[in-house]
Amino acid sequence: MRRSLLMRIMPAAAAAAIAAWPVLAAQRDDPDWPCIQRKVPELSLGQVWTGAELPPAVADWSKDAGISALVTELAARRVPLAEAQQKIKSYAENLPVGERERRMTMLVQGLFDHMNRERSDVISGIARYAHRQRDMATILRQEASAVDALRAKPDADPNELTARSDRLVFQTRIFQERAESLSFVCEVPTLIEQRLYALAKAIAEALKDQ
């Protein structure tokens, strides 16, 4: 009796779990953007850098091995922000006065290029992830309807009904776990943007103190 009740309830629960996905996506202009956070594919330098306009020469920052290595190190979120800010301050203090502004502005451009690209890659990955989730939701709804139709047949094979119901519940659980993990991933572009702003601010303060 209990098994029979679960077999009736589980497909209905599966359908309810996946029903929210297309509704959530439909509330936004981009159907492949499932996040609460507004989608901004790319940042502009002016959003994070409040100092003087950077000279064209800083575009070649990647040709400087020292700057490139420092950009990679500072951009890594595994490095605590306070530690990264201190590294910027120490780096500036150890530069020759005549070289400080040039190299620090190269660092600004390098961090912006590197982290803006990283952020855009994350946003593209979220869109691909959401697209797969939407496709999976469609498949699960179709399977839930098929299981309901099978259950309505008086001559339905109970073993087949049990197997398909169990598989549907398992697949729905995977879908729900993926949806929950997506909420954390949605925060990453904002975290990258906030870190970039904080690092750029630290560079501006280091230049001000020269």
N, C-alpha and C. Protein backbone atom coordinates (compact mmCIF):
# COMPACT_ATOMS: atom_id res chain seq x y z
N MET A 1 0.84 -1.20 0.00
CA MET A 1 0.00 0.00 0.00
C MET A 1 0.87 1.25 0.00
N ARG A 2 1.89 1.27 0.89
CA ARG A 2 2.79 2.42 0.97
C ARG A 2 3.55 2.61 -0.35
N ARG A 3 4.01 1.51 -0.95
CA ARG A 3 4.74 1.59 -2.21
C ARG A 3 3.84 2.15 -3.31
N SER A 4 2.59 1.71 -3.32
CA SER A 4 1.64 2.19 -4.33
C SER A 4 1.39 3.68 -4.18
N LEU A 5 1.29 4.15 -2.94
CA LEU A 5 1.07 5.58 -2.69
C LEU A 5 2.27 6.40 -3.16
N LEU A 6 3.47 5.93 -2.87
CA LEU A 6 4.67 6.65 -3.29
C LEU A 6 4.76 6.73 -4.81
N MET A 7 4.39 5.66 -5.47
CA MET A 7 4.45 5.65 -6.93
C MET A 7 3.51 6.67 -7.53
N ARG A 8 2.40 6.98 -6.82
CA ARG A 8 1.48 8.00 -7.32
C ARG A 8 1.98 9.39 -7.01
N ILE A 9 2.61 9.57 -5.84
CA ILE A 9 3.03 10.88 -5.38
C ILE A 9 4.31 11.35 -6.08
N MET A 10 5.28 10.45 -6.26
CA MET A 10 6.61 10.86 -6.72
C MET A 10 6.61 11.52 -8.09
N PRO A 11 5.93 10.98 -9.11
CA PRO A 11 5.92 11.68 -10.39
C PRO A 11 5.29 13.06 -10.29
N ALA A 12 4.25 13.20 -9.45
CA ALA A 12 3.62 14.50 -9.26
C ALA A 12 4.60 15.48 -8.63
N ALA A 13 5.38 14.99 -7.65
CA ALA A 13 6.39 15.83 -7.00
C ALA A 13 7.47 16.22 -7.99
N ALA A 14 7.82 15.29 -8.85
CA ALA A 14 8.84 15.57 -9.87
C ALA A 14 8.35 16.68 -10.81
N ALA A 15 7.09 16.58 -11.22
CA ALA A 15 6.55 17.60 -12.11
C ALA A 15 6.53 18.96 -11.45
N ALA A 16 6.19 18.99 -10.16
CA ALA A 16 6.17 20.27 -9.43
C ALA A 16 7.56 20.85 -9.30
N ALA A 17 8.56 19.99 -9.10
CA ALA A 17 9.93 20.47 -8.91
C ALA A 17 10.48 21.12 -10.17
N ILE A 18 10.14 20.58 -11.34
CA ILE A 18 10.69 21.12 -12.58
C ILE A 18 9.84 22.23 -13.16
N ALA A 19 8.63 22.40 -12.65
CA ALA A 19 7.74 23.41 -13.22
C ALA A 19 8.26 24.83 -13.03
N ALA A 20 8.98 25.06 -11.93
CA ALA A 20 9.45 26.41 -11.62
C ALA A 20 10.56 26.87 -12.55
N TRP A 21 11.29 25.94 -13.16
CA TRP A 21 12.45 26.34 -13.98
C TRP A 21 12.08 27.22 -15.16
N PRO A 22 11.16 26.81 -16.06
CA PRO A 22 10.85 27.68 -17.19
C PRO A 22 10.18 28.97 -16.78
N VAL A 23 9.42 28.95 -15.68
CA VAL A 23 8.77 30.17 -15.20
C VAL A 23 9.83 31.17 -14.79
N LEU A 24 10.84 30.70 -14.07
CA LEU A 24 11.92 31.58 -13.62
C LEU A 24 12.64 32.19 -14.80
N ALA A 25 12.96 31.38 -15.80
CA ALA A 25 13.68 31.89 -16.96
C ALA A 25 12.83 32.85 -17.76
N ALA A 26 11.53 32.60 -17.82
CA ALA A 26 10.65 33.44 -18.63
C ALA A 26 10.50 34.85 -18.06
N GLN A 27 10.85 35.03 -16.82
CA GLN A 27 10.75 36.33 -16.19
C GLN A 27 11.85 37.27 -16.65
N ARG A 28 12.80 36.77 -17.42
CA ARG A 28 13.94 37.57 -17.84
C ARG A 28 14.01 37.67 -19.35
N ASP A 29 14.71 38.70 -19.82
CA ASP A 29 14.81 38.91 -21.27
C ASP A 29 15.55 37.78 -21.96
N ASP A 30 16.56 37.22 -21.29
CA ASP A 30 17.37 36.16 -21.87
C ASP A 30 16.94 34.82 -21.29
N PRO A 31 16.36 33.94 -22.10
CA PRO A 31 15.89 32.64 -21.58
C PRO A 31 17.01 31.75 -21.07
N ASP A 32 18.24 32.04 -21.47
CA ASP A 32 19.38 31.24 -21.01
C ASP A 32 20.05 31.86 -19.80
N TRP A 33 19.44 32.87 -19.21
CA TRP A 33 20.03 33.50 -18.02
C TRP A 33 19.12 33.26 -16.83
N PRO A 34 19.47 32.31 -15.95
CA PRO A 34 18.58 31.91 -14.86
C PRO A 34 18.84 32.63 -13.54
N CYS A 35 19.80 33.53 -13.51
CA CYS A 35 20.21 34.14 -12.25
C CYS A 35 19.34 35.34 -11.86
N ILE A 36 19.25 35.56 -10.57
CA ILE A 36 18.56 36.75 -10.06
C ILE A 36 19.36 37.99 -10.43
N GLN A 37 20.68 37.87 -10.37
CA GLN A 37 21.56 38.99 -10.70
C GLN A 37 21.38 39.39 -12.17
N ARG A 38 21.39 40.68 -12.43
CA ARG A 38 21.24 41.17 -13.80
C ARG A 38 22.44 40.73 -14.64
N LYS A 39 22.18 40.35 -15.86
CA LYS A 39 23.25 39.90 -16.75
C LYS A 39 23.95 41.10 -17.38
N VAL A 40 25.24 41.23 -17.11
CA VAL A 40 26.08 42.25 -17.75
C VAL A 40 27.26 41.48 -18.35
N PRO A 41 27.22 41.17 -19.64
CA PRO A 41 28.24 40.30 -20.25
C PRO A 41 29.67 40.76 -20.04
N GLU A 42 29.90 42.07 -20.14
CA GLU A 42 31.26 42.59 -20.00
C GLU A 42 31.24 43.88 -19.18
N LEU A 43 32.34 44.13 -18.50
CA LEU A 43 32.51 45.36 -17.74
C LEU A 43 33.24 46.38 -18.59
N SER A 44 33.15 47.63 -18.18
CA SER A 44 33.96 48.68 -18.79
C SER A 44 34.99 49.10 -17.75
N LEU A 45 36.14 49.55 -18.23
CA LEU A 45 37.20 49.94 -17.31
C LEU A 45 36.73 51.05 -16.37
N GLY A 46 35.90 51.94 -16.87
CA GLY A 46 35.42 53.04 -16.04
C GLY A 46 34.58 52.61 -14.85
N GLN A 47 34.06 51.39 -14.89
CA GLN A 47 33.28 50.89 -13.76
C GLN A 47 34.15 50.55 -12.55
N VAL A 48 35.42 50.28 -12.80
CA VAL A 48 36.29 49.83 -11.70
C VAL A 48 37.49 50.74 -11.47
N TRP A 49 37.80 51.57 -12.45
CA TRP A 49 38.99 52.43 -12.32
C TRP A 49 38.56 53.89 -12.30
N THR A 50 38.84 54.56 -11.20
CA THR A 50 38.43 55.95 -11.03
C THR A 50 39.60 56.92 -11.18
N GLY A 51 40.78 56.38 -11.49
CA GLY A 51 41.96 57.22 -11.66
C GLY A 51 42.01 57.85 -13.04
N ALA A 52 43.16 58.42 -13.35
CA ALA A 52 43.36 59.07 -14.65
C ALA A 52 43.26 58.05 -15.78
N GLU A 53 42.96 58.54 -16.97
CA GLU A 53 42.86 57.65 -18.13
C GLU A 53 44.20 56.95 -18.36
N LEU A 54 44.12 55.66 -18.63
CA LEU A 54 45.35 54.88 -18.82
C LEU A 54 45.95 55.14 -20.19
N PRO A 55 47.27 55.25 -20.28
CA PRO A 55 47.92 55.48 -21.58
C PRO A 55 47.82 54.23 -22.45
N PRO A 56 47.84 54.40 -23.78
CA PRO A 56 47.73 53.26 -24.71
C PRO A 56 48.79 52.19 -24.49
N ALA A 57 49.96 52.59 -24.00
CA ALA A 57 51.07 51.64 -23.86
C ALA A 57 50.76 50.51 -22.88
N VAL A 58 49.81 50.72 -21.96
CA VAL A 58 49.53 49.68 -20.95
C VAL A 58 48.88 48.46 -21.58
N ALA A 59 48.40 48.59 -22.82
CA ALA A 59 47.77 47.45 -23.49
C ALA A 59 48.74 46.30 -23.69
N ASP A 60 50.03 46.59 -23.62
CA ASP A 60 51.05 45.55 -23.81
C ASP A 60 51.47 44.90 -22.50
N TRP A 61 50.65 44.98 -21.48
CA TRP A 61 51.01 44.46 -20.16
C TRP A 61 51.39 42.98 -20.19
N SER A 62 50.74 42.21 -21.06
CA SER A 62 50.97 40.76 -21.08
C SER A 62 52.38 40.40 -21.55
N LYS A 63 53.08 41.35 -22.18
CA LYS A 63 54.45 41.10 -22.64
C LYS A 63 55.46 41.22 -21.50
N ASP A 64 55.00 41.73 -20.38
CA ASP A 64 55.86 41.87 -19.20
C ASP A 64 55.64 40.67 -18.29
N ALA A 65 56.63 39.83 -18.18
CA ALA A 65 56.49 38.58 -17.41
C ALA A 65 56.14 38.85 -15.95
N GLY A 66 56.76 39.88 -15.37
CA GLY A 66 56.50 40.18 -13.97
C GLY A 66 55.08 40.63 -13.73
N ILE A 67 54.57 41.52 -14.60
CA ILE A 67 53.20 42.00 -14.48
C ILE A 67 52.22 40.85 -14.71
N SER A 68 52.48 40.03 -15.71
CA SER A 68 51.60 38.90 -16.02
C SER A 68 51.48 37.95 -14.84
N ALA A 69 52.60 37.65 -14.21
CA ALA A 69 52.59 36.74 -13.06
C ALA A 69 51.82 37.35 -11.90
N LEU A 70 52.01 38.65 -11.69
CA LEU A 70 51.32 39.32 -10.58
C LEU A 70 49.82 39.40 -10.84
N VAL A 71 49.44 39.64 -12.07
CA VAL A 71 48.01 39.67 -12.43
C VAL A 71 47.36 38.33 -12.10
N THR A 72 48.00 37.25 -12.51
CA THR A 72 47.45 35.91 -12.25
C THR A 72 47.32 35.65 -10.76
N GLU A 73 48.33 36.05 -10.01
CA GLU A 73 48.32 35.83 -8.57
C GLU A 73 47.23 36.65 -7.88
N LEU A 74 47.12 37.92 -8.22
CA LEU A 74 46.16 38.80 -7.56
C LEU A 74 44.72 38.46 -7.93
N ALA A 75 44.52 38.00 -9.15
CA ALA A 75 43.16 37.69 -9.62
C ALA A 75 42.59 36.43 -8.99
N ALA A 76 43.46 35.52 -8.55
CA ALA A 76 43.02 34.23 -8.01
C ALA A 76 42.23 34.43 -6.72
N ARG A 77 40.98 33.96 -6.71
CA ARG A 77 40.12 34.18 -5.53
C ARG A 77 40.56 33.35 -4.33
N ARG A 78 41.43 32.37 -4.55
CA ARG A 78 41.94 31.60 -3.41
C ARG A 78 42.88 32.45 -2.56
N VAL A 79 43.40 33.53 -3.13
CA VAL A 79 44.25 34.46 -2.39
C VAL A 79 43.33 35.44 -1.67
N PRO A 80 43.37 35.50 -0.33
CA PRO A 80 42.49 36.43 0.39
C PRO A 80 42.66 37.85 -0.11
N LEU A 81 41.57 38.59 -0.17
CA LEU A 81 41.61 39.94 -0.72
C LEU A 81 42.58 40.83 0.04
N ALA A 82 42.56 40.74 1.36
CA ALA A 82 43.46 41.58 2.16
C ALA A 82 44.92 41.29 1.82
N GLU A 83 45.22 40.02 1.60
CA GLU A 83 46.59 39.64 1.22
C GLU A 83 46.95 40.20 -0.15
N ALA A 84 46.01 40.14 -1.08
CA ALA A 84 46.25 40.67 -2.43
C ALA A 84 46.46 42.18 -2.38
N GLN A 85 45.69 42.86 -1.57
CA GLN A 85 45.84 44.31 -1.44
C GLN A 85 47.20 44.67 -0.84
N GLN A 86 47.65 43.88 0.10
CA GLN A 86 48.96 44.12 0.70
C GLN A 86 50.08 43.88 -0.31
N LYS A 87 49.90 42.88 -1.16
CA LYS A 87 50.89 42.61 -2.21
C LYS A 87 50.99 43.79 -3.17
N ILE A 88 49.87 44.40 -3.48
CA ILE A 88 49.87 45.58 -4.35
C ILE A 88 50.65 46.72 -3.70
N LYS A 89 50.38 46.94 -2.44
CA LYS A 89 51.07 48.01 -1.72
C LYS A 89 52.58 47.76 -1.67
N SER A 90 52.97 46.54 -1.36
CA SER A 90 54.39 46.20 -1.27
C SER A 90 55.06 46.31 -2.63
N TYR A 91 54.34 45.86 -3.66
CA TYR A 91 54.91 45.93 -5.01
C TYR A 91 55.17 47.38 -5.41
N ALA A 92 54.21 48.25 -5.13
CA ALA A 92 54.36 49.67 -5.47
C ALA A 92 55.52 50.29 -4.72
N GLU A 93 55.66 49.97 -3.44
CA GLU A 93 56.71 50.56 -2.61
C GLU A 93 58.11 50.14 -3.07
N ASN A 94 58.20 48.96 -3.68
CA ASN A 94 59.50 48.44 -4.10
C ASN A 94 59.88 48.83 -5.54
N LEU A 95 59.01 49.56 -6.20
CA LEU A 95 59.31 50.00 -7.56
C LEU A 95 60.09 51.30 -7.53
N PRO A 96 61.02 51.49 -8.47
CA PRO A 96 61.68 52.80 -8.59
C PRO A 96 60.63 53.88 -8.84
N VAL A 97 60.82 55.02 -8.24
CA VAL A 97 59.82 56.10 -8.36
C VAL A 97 59.49 56.40 -9.82
N GLY A 98 60.52 56.42 -10.67
CA GLY A 98 60.29 56.73 -12.08
C GLY A 98 59.52 55.66 -12.83
N GLU A 99 59.44 54.46 -12.28
CA GLU A 99 58.76 53.35 -12.95
C GLU A 99 57.38 53.07 -12.36
N ARG A 100 57.12 53.66 -11.21
CA ARG A 100 55.93 53.25 -10.44
C ARG A 100 54.63 53.46 -11.21
N GLU A 101 54.42 54.65 -11.72
CA GLU A 101 53.14 54.92 -12.38
C GLU A 101 52.95 54.05 -13.61
N ARG A 102 53.98 53.89 -14.41
CA ARG A 102 53.86 53.08 -15.63
C ARG A 102 53.50 51.64 -15.32
N ARG A 103 54.21 51.06 -14.37
CA ARG A 103 53.99 49.65 -14.08
C ARG A 103 52.68 49.43 -13.31
N MET A 104 52.32 50.34 -12.47
CA MET A 104 51.07 50.19 -11.73
C MET A 104 49.86 50.35 -12.65
N THR A 105 49.95 51.24 -13.62
CA THR A 105 48.84 51.36 -14.57
C THR A 105 48.78 50.15 -15.50
N MET A 106 49.94 49.56 -15.79
CA MET A 106 49.93 48.30 -16.54
C MET A 106 49.24 47.21 -15.73
N LEU A 107 49.45 47.24 -14.42
CA LEU A 107 48.81 46.26 -13.55
C LEU A 107 47.30 46.43 -13.55
N VAL A 108 46.84 47.67 -13.55
CA VAL A 108 45.40 47.94 -13.62
C VAL A 108 44.82 47.32 -14.89
N GLN A 109 45.44 47.63 -16.03
CA GLN A 109 44.93 47.11 -17.30
C GLN A 109 44.99 45.59 -17.34
N GLY A 110 46.06 45.03 -16.81
CA GLY A 110 46.19 43.58 -16.80
C GLY A 110 45.11 42.91 -15.97
N LEU A 111 44.87 43.45 -14.78
CA LEU A 111 43.82 42.89 -13.92
C LEU A 111 42.45 43.03 -14.58
N PHE A 112 42.21 44.18 -15.19
CA PHE A 112 40.91 44.37 -15.85
C PHE A 112 40.73 43.37 -16.99
N ASP A 113 41.72 43.27 -17.86
CA ASP A 113 41.60 42.35 -19.01
C ASP A 113 41.43 40.91 -18.54
N HIS A 114 42.24 40.50 -17.58
CA HIS A 114 42.22 39.12 -17.10
C HIS A 114 40.90 38.78 -16.40
N MET A 115 40.48 39.65 -15.49
CA MET A 115 39.30 39.33 -14.68
C MET A 115 38.00 39.57 -15.44
N ASN A 116 38.00 40.53 -16.35
CA ASN A 116 36.82 40.74 -17.18
C ASN A 116 36.60 39.55 -18.10
N ARG A 117 37.70 39.00 -18.63
CA ARG A 117 37.61 37.81 -19.48
C ARG A 117 37.15 36.60 -18.66
N GLU A 118 37.70 36.46 -17.46
CA GLU A 118 37.29 35.36 -16.58
C GLU A 118 35.80 35.47 -16.26
N ARG A 119 35.35 36.67 -15.96
CA ARG A 119 33.95 36.90 -15.63
C ARG A 119 33.05 36.57 -16.81
N SER A 120 33.45 36.99 -18.02
CA SER A 120 32.66 36.69 -19.22
C SER A 120 32.59 35.19 -19.49
N ASP A 121 33.69 34.48 -19.22
CA ASP A 121 33.70 33.02 -19.39
C ASP A 121 32.71 32.36 -18.42
N VAL A 122 32.67 32.86 -17.19
CA VAL A 122 31.73 32.32 -16.20
C VAL A 122 30.30 32.55 -16.65
N ILE A 123 30.01 33.75 -17.15
CA ILE A 123 28.66 34.07 -17.61
C ILE A 123 28.25 33.18 -18.78
N SER A 124 29.17 32.94 -19.70
CA SER A 124 28.87 32.04 -20.82
C SER A 124 28.61 30.62 -20.32
N GLY A 125 29.39 30.20 -19.32
CA GLY A 125 29.19 28.87 -18.75
C GLY A 125 27.84 28.74 -18.07
N ILE A 126 27.41 29.79 -17.38
CA ILE A 126 26.10 29.78 -16.72
C ILE A 126 25.00 29.64 -17.77
N ALA A 127 25.13 30.36 -18.88
CA ALA A 127 24.12 30.28 -19.94
C ALA A 127 24.04 28.87 -20.51
N ARG A 128 25.20 28.25 -20.74
CA ARG A 128 25.19 26.87 -21.25
C ARG A 128 24.57 25.92 -20.23
N TYR A 129 24.89 26.10 -18.98
CA TYR A 129 24.35 25.28 -17.90
C TYR A 129 22.83 25.41 -17.85
N ALA A 130 22.35 26.65 -17.93
CA ALA A 130 20.91 26.91 -17.88
C ALA A 130 20.19 26.28 -19.07
N HIS A 131 20.83 26.36 -20.23
CA HIS A 131 20.24 25.76 -21.43
C HIS A 131 20.07 24.26 -21.26
N ARG A 132 21.08 23.61 -20.70
CA ARG A 132 20.98 22.16 -20.45
C ARG A 132 19.89 21.86 -19.42
N GLN A 133 19.78 22.70 -18.41
CA GLN A 133 18.74 22.51 -17.41
C GLN A 133 17.35 22.64 -18.04
N ARG A 134 17.18 23.61 -18.91
CA ARG A 134 15.89 23.78 -19.57
C ARG A 134 15.54 22.57 -20.42
N ASP A 135 16.52 22.05 -21.13
CA ASP A 135 16.28 20.85 -21.93
C ASP A 135 15.94 19.66 -21.04
N MET A 136 16.65 19.57 -19.91
CA MET A 136 16.40 18.47 -18.98
C MET A 136 15.00 18.59 -18.37
N ALA A 137 14.56 19.81 -18.10
CA ALA A 137 13.22 20.02 -17.54
C ALA A 137 12.16 19.54 -18.53
N THR A 138 12.37 19.82 -19.80
CA THR A 138 11.42 19.37 -20.82
C THR A 138 11.34 17.85 -20.86
N ILE A 139 12.49 17.20 -20.81
CA ILE A 139 12.52 15.74 -20.82
C ILE A 139 11.82 15.15 -19.59
N LEU A 140 12.07 15.76 -18.44
CA LEU A 140 11.46 15.25 -17.21
C LEU A 140 9.95 15.43 -17.22
N ARG A 141 9.47 16.55 -17.75
CA ARG A 141 8.01 16.75 -17.82
C ARG A 141 7.38 15.71 -18.74
N GLN A 142 8.05 15.44 -19.85
CA GLN A 142 7.52 14.44 -20.78
C GLN A 142 7.48 13.05 -20.13
N GLU A 143 8.54 12.73 -19.38
CA GLU A 143 8.58 11.42 -18.73
C GLU A 143 7.54 11.33 -17.62
N ALA A 144 7.34 12.42 -16.89
CA ALA A 144 6.32 12.42 -15.83
C ALA A 144 4.93 12.17 -16.42
N SER A 145 4.66 12.78 -17.57
CA SER A 145 3.36 12.57 -18.23
C SER A 145 3.23 11.13 -18.71
N ALA A 146 4.35 10.58 -19.21
CA ALA A 146 4.33 9.20 -19.69
C ALA A 146 4.08 8.22 -18.55
N VAL A 147 4.69 8.49 -17.39
CA VAL A 147 4.49 7.62 -16.22
C VAL A 147 3.04 7.70 -15.75
N ASP A 148 2.47 8.91 -15.75
CA ASP A 148 1.06 9.05 -15.37
C ASP A 148 0.15 8.29 -16.33
N ALA A 149 0.47 8.38 -17.62
CA ALA A 149 -0.34 7.67 -18.61
C ALA A 149 -0.22 6.16 -18.43
N LEU A 150 0.97 5.68 -18.12
CA LEU A 150 1.19 4.25 -17.90
C LEU A 150 0.41 3.78 -16.68
N ARG A 151 0.41 4.60 -15.64
CA ARG A 151 -0.30 4.22 -14.42
C ARG A 151 -1.81 4.13 -14.64
N ALA A 152 -2.30 4.93 -15.58
CA ALA A 152 -3.75 4.94 -15.84
C ALA A 152 -4.21 3.70 -16.59
N LYS A 153 -3.27 2.96 -17.17
CA LYS A 153 -3.64 1.76 -17.91
C LYS A 153 -3.93 0.61 -16.94
N PRO A 154 -5.08 -0.03 -17.06
CA PRO A 154 -5.41 -1.13 -16.14
C PRO A 154 -4.49 -2.34 -16.29
N ASP A 155 -3.90 -2.51 -17.48
CA ASP A 155 -3.04 -3.67 -17.71
C ASP A 155 -1.55 -3.30 -17.67
N ALA A 156 -1.23 -2.17 -17.03
CA ALA A 156 0.17 -1.73 -16.98
C ALA A 156 1.02 -2.73 -16.21
N ASP A 157 2.25 -2.92 -16.68
CA ASP A 157 3.19 -3.80 -16.02
C ASP A 157 3.70 -3.11 -14.75
N PRO A 158 3.41 -3.66 -13.58
CA PRO A 158 3.83 -2.98 -12.33
C PRO A 158 5.34 -2.83 -12.21
N ASN A 159 6.08 -3.81 -12.75
CA ASN A 159 7.54 -3.72 -12.68
C ASN A 159 8.07 -2.55 -13.53
N GLU A 160 7.49 -2.40 -14.72
CA GLU A 160 7.90 -1.29 -15.58
C GLU A 160 7.53 0.05 -14.94
N LEU A 161 6.33 0.10 -14.34
CA LEU A 161 5.87 1.33 -13.70
C LEU A 161 6.80 1.70 -12.54
N THR A 162 7.18 0.71 -11.76
CA THR A 162 8.09 0.97 -10.63
C THR A 162 9.44 1.46 -11.11
N ALA A 163 9.98 0.79 -12.14
CA ALA A 163 11.30 1.16 -12.65
C ALA A 163 11.30 2.58 -13.21
N ARG A 164 10.27 2.92 -13.97
CA ARG A 164 10.22 4.25 -14.57
C ARG A 164 9.97 5.33 -13.53
N SER A 165 9.15 5.02 -12.53
CA SER A 165 8.91 5.99 -11.46
C SER A 165 10.18 6.25 -10.66
N ASP A 166 10.91 5.18 -10.35
CA ASP A 166 12.17 5.34 -9.60
C ASP A 166 13.19 6.14 -10.41
N ARG A 167 13.27 5.84 -11.70
CA ARG A 167 14.23 6.56 -12.54
C ARG A 167 13.86 8.04 -12.64
N LEU A 168 12.57 8.33 -12.72
CA LEU A 168 12.13 9.72 -12.80
C LEU A 168 12.48 10.48 -11.53
N VAL A 169 12.26 9.85 -10.39
CA VAL A 169 12.58 10.49 -9.12
C VAL A 169 14.09 10.75 -9.01
N PHE A 170 14.89 9.77 -9.44
CA PHE A 170 16.35 9.93 -9.39
C PHE A 170 16.81 11.07 -10.29
N GLN A 171 16.27 11.11 -11.51
CA GLN A 171 16.66 12.16 -12.45
C GLN A 171 16.20 13.54 -11.96
N THR A 172 15.04 13.58 -11.31
CA THR A 172 14.55 14.85 -10.77
C THR A 172 15.43 15.34 -9.63
N ARG A 173 15.91 14.39 -8.83
CA ARG A 173 16.81 14.77 -7.73
C ARG A 173 18.09 15.39 -8.28
N ILE A 174 18.63 14.82 -9.36
CA ILE A 174 19.82 15.37 -10.00
C ILE A 174 19.52 16.78 -10.52
N PHE A 175 18.35 16.93 -11.15
CA PHE A 175 17.94 18.23 -11.67
C PHE A 175 17.88 19.27 -10.55
N GLN A 176 17.30 18.90 -9.42
CA GLN A 176 17.18 19.82 -8.29
C GLN A 176 18.54 20.20 -7.73
N GLU A 177 19.44 19.22 -7.62
CA GLU A 177 20.78 19.50 -7.11
C GLU A 177 21.54 20.45 -8.04
N ARG A 178 21.36 20.25 -9.34
CA ARG A 178 22.01 21.14 -10.30
C ARG A 178 21.44 22.55 -10.20
N ALA A 179 20.13 22.65 -9.98
CA ALA A 179 19.51 23.96 -9.85
C ALA A 179 19.99 24.67 -8.59
N GLU A 180 20.17 23.92 -7.51
CA GLU A 180 20.65 24.51 -6.26
C GLU A 180 22.10 24.98 -6.40
N SER A 181 22.93 24.20 -7.05
CA SER A 181 24.33 24.60 -7.22
C SER A 181 24.44 25.82 -8.13
N LEU A 182 23.50 25.97 -9.04
CA LEU A 182 23.52 27.11 -9.94
C LEU A 182 23.37 28.43 -9.19
N SER A 183 22.60 28.41 -8.09
CA SER A 183 22.40 29.65 -7.33
C SER A 183 23.73 30.16 -6.77
N PHE A 184 24.64 29.25 -6.45
CA PHE A 184 25.96 29.66 -5.96
C PHE A 184 26.83 30.17 -7.11
N VAL A 185 26.75 29.47 -8.24
CA VAL A 185 27.55 29.87 -9.41
C VAL A 185 27.12 31.26 -9.88
N CYS A 186 25.85 31.58 -9.74
CA CYS A 186 25.34 32.88 -10.18
C CYS A 186 26.01 34.04 -9.45
N GLU A 187 26.55 33.77 -8.28
CA GLU A 187 27.20 34.83 -7.51
C GLU A 187 28.62 35.12 -7.98
N VAL A 188 29.21 34.20 -8.73
CA VAL A 188 30.62 34.33 -9.11
C VAL A 188 30.92 35.58 -9.92
N PRO A 189 30.13 35.92 -10.97
CA PRO A 189 30.44 37.16 -11.71
C PRO A 189 30.48 38.39 -10.81
N THR A 190 29.57 38.47 -9.85
CA THR A 190 29.55 39.60 -8.92
C THR A 190 30.78 39.59 -8.02
N LEU A 191 31.18 38.40 -7.58
CA LEU A 191 32.37 38.29 -6.73
C LEU A 191 33.62 38.74 -7.49
N ILE A 192 33.71 38.35 -8.75
CA ILE A 192 34.86 38.76 -9.57
C ILE A 192 34.87 40.28 -9.74
N GLU A 193 33.70 40.84 -10.02
CA GLU A 193 33.59 42.29 -10.20
C GLU A 193 33.98 43.03 -8.92
N GLN A 194 33.51 42.56 -7.78
CA GLN A 194 33.83 43.21 -6.51
C GLN A 194 35.32 43.12 -6.20
N ARG A 195 35.92 41.98 -6.50
CA ARG A 195 37.35 41.83 -6.25
C ARG A 195 38.15 42.74 -7.17
N LEU A 196 37.76 42.80 -8.43
CA LEU A 196 38.46 43.67 -9.37
C LEU A 196 38.39 45.13 -8.92
N TYR A 197 37.23 45.56 -8.48
CA TYR A 197 37.09 46.94 -8.01
C TYR A 197 37.99 47.20 -6.80
N ALA A 198 38.03 46.25 -5.87
CA ALA A 198 38.85 46.41 -4.66
C ALA A 198 40.33 46.46 -5.00
N LEU A 199 40.76 45.64 -5.96
CA LEU A 199 42.17 45.64 -6.36
C LEU A 199 42.53 46.93 -7.08
N ALA A 200 41.64 47.40 -7.94
CA ALA A 200 41.89 48.65 -8.66
C ALA A 200 41.96 49.82 -7.67
N LYS A 201 41.11 49.78 -6.66
CA LYS A 201 41.13 50.82 -5.64
C LYS A 201 42.45 50.80 -4.88
N ALA A 202 42.96 49.61 -4.58
CA ALA A 202 44.23 49.48 -3.88
C ALA A 202 45.37 50.06 -4.73
N ILE A 203 45.32 49.86 -6.03
CA ILE A 203 46.33 50.42 -6.92
C ILE A 203 46.25 51.93 -6.94
N ALA A 204 45.04 52.45 -7.00
CA ALA A 204 44.85 53.91 -7.00
C ALA A 204 45.39 54.52 -5.71
N GLU A 205 45.17 53.85 -4.60
CA GLU A 205 45.67 54.37 -3.32
C GLU A 205 47.19 54.30 -3.26
N ALA A 206 47.78 53.24 -3.83
CA ALA A 206 49.23 53.11 -3.86
C ALA A 206 49.85 54.22 -4.70
N LEU A 207 49.21 54.58 -5.80
CA LEU A 207 49.70 55.64 -6.66
C LEU A 207 49.55 57.01 -5.97
N LYS A 208 48.49 57.16 -5.21
CA LYS A 208 48.25 58.41 -4.51
C LYS A 208 49.32 58.66 -3.44
N ASP A 209 49.81 57.56 -2.88
CA ASP A 209 50.80 57.67 -1.79
C ASP A 209 52.22 57.86 -2.29
N GLN A 210 52.43 57.85 -3.60
CA GLN A 210 53.81 57.92 -4.11
C GLN A 210 54.41 59.32 -3.90
